[in-house]
């Protein structure tokens, strides 16, 4: 499963992967600080509104 994880003011796209009996979180992408992520989602929302 892939999801967004917040660690302090930083956001990461992470994926859970099983290694034997253990589940590990693997960081797939650094998304940035909270202000960067907020701006990214606002731009994404505006893009979706224009396409619908």
PDB file of N, CA and C in Angstrom:
ATOM      1  N   UNK A   1       0.845  -1.167   0.000  1.00  0.00           N
ATOM      2  CA  UNK A   1       0.000   0.000   0.000  1.00  0.00           C
ATOM      3  C   UNK A   1       0.898   1.241   0.000  1.00  0.00           C
ATOM      4  N   UNK A   2       0.545   2.218  -0.811  1.00  0.00           N
ATOM      5  CA  UNK A   2       1.288   3.474  -0.900  1.00  0.00           C
ATOM      6  C   UNK A   2       0.442   4.595  -0.304  1.00  0.00           C
ATOM      7  N   UNK A   3       1.081   5.478   0.468  1.00  0.00           N
ATOM      8  CA  UNK A   3       0.360   6.579   1.106  1.00  0.00           C
ATOM      9  C   UNK A   3       1.316   7.709   1.430  1.00  0.00           C
ATOM     10  N   UNK A   4       0.748   8.848   1.856  1.00  0.00           N
ATOM     11  CA  UNK A   4       1.546  10.012   2.242  1.00  0.00           C
ATOM     12  C   UNK A   4       1.746   9.985   3.748  1.00  0.00           C
ATOM     13  N   UNK A   5       2.984  10.187   4.170  1.00  0.00           N
ATOM     14  CA  UNK A   5       3.324  10.196   5.593  1.00  0.00           C
ATOM     15  C   UNK A   5       3.906  11.553   5.956  1.00  0.00           C
ATOM     16  N   UNK A   6       3.458  12.078   7.093  1.00  0.00           N
ATOM     17  CA  UNK A   6       3.989  13.347   7.596  1.00  0.00           C
ATOM     18  C   UNK A   6       4.953  13.045   8.741  1.00  0.00           C
ATOM     19  N   UNK A   7       6.103  13.678   8.702  1.00  0.00           N
ATOM     20  CA  UNK A   7       7.094  13.541   9.762  1.00  0.00           C
ATOM     21  C   UNK A   7       7.544  14.954  10.114  1.00  0.00           C
ATOM     22  N   UNK A   8       6.946  15.507  11.197  1.00  0.00           N
ATOM     23  CA  UNK A   8       7.191  16.903  11.537  1.00  0.00           C
ATOM     24  C   UNK A   8       6.518  17.777  10.499  1.00  0.00           C
ATOM     25  N   UNK A   9       7.280  18.648   9.847  1.00  0.00           N
ATOM     26  CA  UNK A   9       6.703  19.503   8.801  1.00  0.00           C
ATOM     27  C   UNK A   9       7.037  18.995   7.400  1.00  0.00           C
ATOM     28  N   UNK A  10       7.580  17.774   7.298  1.00  0.00           N
ATOM     29  CA  UNK A  10       7.976  17.198   6.023  1.00  0.00           C
ATOM     30  C   UNK A  10       7.021  16.081   5.613  1.00  0.00           C
ATOM     31  N   UNK A  11       6.769  15.953   4.298  1.00  0.00           N
ATOM     32  CA  UNK A  11       5.858  14.946   3.766  1.00  0.00           C
ATOM     33  C   UNK A  11       6.597  14.019   2.808  1.00  0.00           C
ATOM     34  N   UNK A  12       6.257  12.727   2.875  1.00  0.00           N
ATOM     35  CA  UNK A  12       6.887  11.711   2.048  1.00  0.00           C
ATOM     36  C   UNK A  12       5.826  10.790   1.459  1.00  0.00           C
ATOM     37  N   UNK A  13       6.066  10.291   0.256  1.00  0.00           N
ATOM     38  CA  UNK A  13       5.258   9.229  -0.313  1.00  0.00           C
ATOM     39  C   UNK A  13       5.965   7.934   0.059  1.00  0.00           C
ATOM     40  N   UNK A  14       5.300   7.066   0.805  1.00  0.00           N
ATOM     41  CA  UNK A  14       5.925   5.838   1.287  1.00  0.00           C
ATOM     42  C   UNK A  14       5.111   4.627   0.857  1.00  0.00           C
ATOM     43  N   UNK A  15       5.759   3.476   0.835  1.00  0.00           N
ATOM     44  CA  UNK A  15       5.109   2.227   0.468  1.00  0.00           C
ATOM     45  C   UNK A  15       5.499   1.168   1.494  1.00  0.00           C
ATOM     46  N   UNK A  16       4.518   0.392   1.928  1.00  0.00           N
ATOM     47  CA  UNK A  16       4.791  -0.727   2.826  1.00  0.00           C
ATOM     48  C   UNK A  16       5.193  -1.932   1.994  1.00  0.00           C
ATOM     49  N   UNK A  17       6.321  -2.549   2.374  1.00  0.00           N
ATOM     50  CA  UNK A  17       6.782  -3.750   1.678  1.00  0.00           C
ATOM     51  C   UNK A  17       7.154  -4.796   2.711  1.00  0.00           C
ATOM     52  N   UNK A  18       6.795  -6.024   2.437  1.00  0.00           N
ATOM     53  CA  UNK A  18       7.079  -7.120   3.367  1.00  0.00           C
ATOM     54  C   UNK A  18       8.441  -7.717   3.054  1.00  0.00           C
ATOM     55  N   UNK A  19       9.228  -7.885   4.118  1.00  0.00           N
ATOM     56  CA  UNK A  19      10.525  -8.562   4.016  1.00  0.00           C
ATOM     57  C   UNK A  19      10.503  -9.695   5.029  1.00  0.00           C
ATOM     58  N   UNK A  20      10.190 -10.889   4.558  1.00  0.00           N
ATOM     59  CA  UNK A  20      10.044 -12.018   5.472  1.00  0.00           C
ATOM     60  C   UNK A  20       8.812 -11.820   6.326  1.00  0.00           C
ATOM     61  N   UNK A  21       8.992 -11.818   7.651  1.00  0.00           N
ATOM     62  CA  UNK A  21       7.880 -11.635   8.587  1.00  0.00           C
ATOM     63  C   UNK A  21       7.642 -10.176   8.929  1.00  0.00           C
ATOM     64  N   UNK A  22       8.523  -9.290   8.510  1.00  0.00           N
ATOM     65  CA  UNK A  22       8.433  -7.878   8.889  1.00  0.00           C
ATOM     66  C   UNK A  22       7.903  -7.025   7.747  1.00  0.00           C
ATOM     67  N   UNK A  23       7.215  -5.943   8.113  1.00  0.00           N
ATOM     68  CA  UNK A  23       6.755  -4.960   7.134  1.00  0.00           C
ATOM     69  C   UNK A  23       7.605  -3.708   7.310  1.00  0.00           C
ATOM     70  N   UNK A  24       8.166  -3.214   6.216  1.00  0.00           N
ATOM     71  CA  UNK A  24       9.019  -2.025   6.256  1.00  0.00           C
ATOM     72  C   UNK A  24       8.397  -0.924   5.420  1.00  0.00           C
ATOM     73  N   UNK A  25       8.592   0.318   5.852  1.00  0.00           N
ATOM     74  CA  UNK A  25       8.155   1.467   5.061  1.00  0.00           C
ATOM     75  C   UNK A  25       9.328   1.941   4.225  1.00  0.00           C
ATOM     76  N   UNK A  26       9.117   2.007   2.928  1.00  0.00           N
ATOM     77  CA  UNK A  26      10.144   2.457   1.996  1.00  0.00           C
ATOM     78  C   UNK A  26       9.725   3.825   1.460  1.00  0.00           C
ATOM     79  N   UNK A  27      10.604   4.826   1.609  1.00  0.00           N
ATOM     80  CA  UNK A  27      10.314   6.157   1.090  1.00  0.00           C
ATOM     81  C   UNK A  27      10.506   6.128  -0.419  1.00  0.00           C
ATOM     82  N   UNK A  28       9.431   6.443  -1.147  1.00  0.00           N
ATOM     83  CA  UNK A  28       9.486   6.453  -2.608  1.00  0.00           C
ATOM     84  C   UNK A  28       9.760   7.846  -3.158  1.00  0.00           C
ATOM     85  N   UNK A  29       9.255   8.905  -2.435  1.00  0.00           N
ATOM     86  CA  UNK A  29       9.406  10.260  -2.950  1.00  0.00           C
ATOM     87  C   UNK A  29       9.282  11.257  -1.809  1.00  0.00           C
ATOM     88  N   UNK A  30      10.194  12.207  -1.751  1.00  0.00           N
ATOM     89  CA  UNK A  30      10.097  13.319  -0.811  1.00  0.00           C
ATOM     90  C   UNK A  30       9.211  14.372  -1.455  1.00  0.00           C
ATOM     91  N   UNK A  31       8.123  14.758  -0.756  1.00  0.00           N
ATOM     92  CA  UNK A  31       7.170  15.718  -1.318  1.00  0.00           C
ATOM     93  C   UNK A  31       7.473  17.156  -0.928  1.00  0.00           C
ATOM     94  N   UNK A  32       8.191  17.360   0.170  1.00  0.00           N
ATOM     95  CA  UNK A  32       8.549  18.710   0.578  1.00  0.00           C
ATOM     96  C   UNK A  32       7.961  19.084   1.925  1.00  0.00           C
ATOM     97  N   UNK A  33       8.141  20.351   2.277  1.00  0.00           N
ATOM     98  CA  UNK A  33       7.591  20.872   3.520  1.00  0.00           C
ATOM     99  C   UNK A  33       6.105  21.121   3.367  1.00  0.00           C
ATOM    100  N   UNK A  34       5.434  21.381   4.477  1.00  0.00           N
ATOM    101  CA  UNK A  34       3.988  21.576   4.485  1.00  0.00           C
ATOM    102  C   UNK A  34       3.563  22.667   3.507  1.00  0.00           C
ATOM    103  N   UNK A  35       4.269  23.777   3.471  1.00  0.00           N
ATOM    104  CA  UNK A  35       3.890  24.869   2.567  1.00  0.00           C
ATOM    105  C   UNK A  35       3.990  24.438   1.106  1.00  0.00           C
ATOM    106  N   UNK A  36       5.007  23.646   0.765  1.00  0.00           N
ATOM    107  CA  UNK A  36       5.168  23.152  -0.605  1.00  0.00           C
ATOM    108  C   UNK A  36       4.041  22.196  -0.978  1.00  0.00           C
ATOM    109  N   UNK A  37       3.680  21.315  -0.040  1.00  0.00           N
ATOM    110  CA  UNK A  37       2.633  20.329  -0.299  1.00  0.00           C
ATOM    111  C   UNK A  37       1.274  21.022  -0.416  1.00  0.00           C
ATOM    112  N   UNK A  38       1.002  22.005   0.440  1.00  0.00           N
ATOM    113  CA  UNK A  38      -0.247  22.765   0.346  1.00  0.00           C
ATOM    114  C   UNK A  38      -0.372  23.425  -1.028  1.00  0.00           C
ATOM    115  N   UNK A  39       0.700  24.044  -1.489  1.00  0.00           N
ATOM    116  CA  UNK A  39       0.700  24.727  -2.788  1.00  0.00           C
ATOM    117  C   UNK A  39       0.492  23.713  -3.923  1.00  0.00           C
ATOM    118  N   UNK A  40       1.119  22.557  -3.817  1.00  0.00           N
ATOM    119  CA  UNK A  40       0.991  21.530  -4.835  1.00  0.00           C
ATOM    120  C   UNK A  40      -0.463  21.047  -4.937  1.00  0.00           C
ATOM    121  N   UNK A  41      -1.116  20.817  -3.800  1.00  0.00           N
ATOM    122  CA  UNK A  41      -2.499  20.351  -3.820  1.00  0.00           C
ATOM    123  C   UNK A  41      -3.457  21.429  -4.329  1.00  0.00           C
ATOM    124  N   UNK A  42      -3.207  22.684  -4.006  1.00  0.00           N
ATOM    125  CA  UNK A  42      -4.060  23.764  -4.533  1.00  0.00           C
ATOM    126  C   UNK A  42      -3.947  23.835  -6.051  1.00  0.00           C
ATOM    127  N   UNK A  43      -2.736  23.715  -6.577  1.00  0.00           N
ATOM    128  CA  UNK A  43      -2.541  23.728  -8.034  1.00  0.00           C
ATOM    129  C   UNK A  43      -3.218  22.529  -8.685  1.00  0.00           C
ATOM    130  N   UNK A  44      -3.142  21.378  -8.032  1.00  0.00           N
ATOM    131  CA  UNK A  44      -3.770  20.163  -8.551  1.00  0.00           C
ATOM    132  C   UNK A  44      -5.283  20.311  -8.570  1.00  0.00           C
ATOM    133  N   UNK A  45      -5.857  20.867  -7.506  1.00  0.00           N
ATOM    134  CA  UNK A  45      -7.296  21.081  -7.438  1.00  0.00           C
ATOM    135  C   UNK A  45      -7.754  22.045  -8.540  1.00  0.00           C
ATOM    136  N   UNK A  46      -6.998  23.097  -8.780  1.00  0.00           N
ATOM    137  CA  UNK A  46      -7.346  24.064  -9.831  1.00  0.00           C
ATOM    138  C   UNK A  46      -7.286  23.387 -11.204  1.00  0.00           C
ATOM    139  N   UNK A  47      -6.322  22.520 -11.415  1.00  0.00           N
ATOM    140  CA  UNK A  47      -6.191  21.808 -12.681  1.00  0.00           C
ATOM    141  C   UNK A  47      -7.401  20.891 -12.903  1.00  0.00           C
ATOM    142  N   UNK A  48      -7.828  20.201 -11.876  1.00  0.00           N
ATOM    143  CA  UNK A  48      -8.984  19.306 -11.986  1.00  0.00           C
ATOM    144  C   UNK A  48     -10.250  20.110 -12.281  1.00  0.00           C
ATOM    145  N   UNK A  49     -10.413  21.252 -11.626  1.00  0.00           N
ATOM    146  CA  UNK A  49     -11.603  22.075 -11.859  1.00  0.00           C
ATOM    147  C   UNK A  49     -11.662  22.562 -13.302  1.00  0.00           C
ATOM    148  N   UNK A  50     -10.511  22.878 -13.876  1.00  0.00           N
ATOM    149  CA  UNK A  50     -10.480  23.357 -15.258  1.00  0.00           C
ATOM    150  C   UNK A  50     -10.859  22.245 -16.239  1.00  0.00           C
ATOM    151  N   UNK A  51     -10.512  21.008 -15.903  1.00  0.00           N
ATOM    152  CA  UNK A  51     -10.771  19.881 -16.813  1.00  0.00           C
ATOM    153  C   UNK A  51     -12.193  19.371 -16.704  1.00  0.00           C
ATOM    154  N   UNK A  52     -12.921  19.730 -15.650  1.00  0.00           N
ATOM    155  CA  UNK A  52     -14.298  19.214 -15.501  1.00  0.00           C
ATOM    156  C   UNK A  52     -15.321  20.240 -15.908  1.00  0.00           C
TER     157      UNK A  52
END
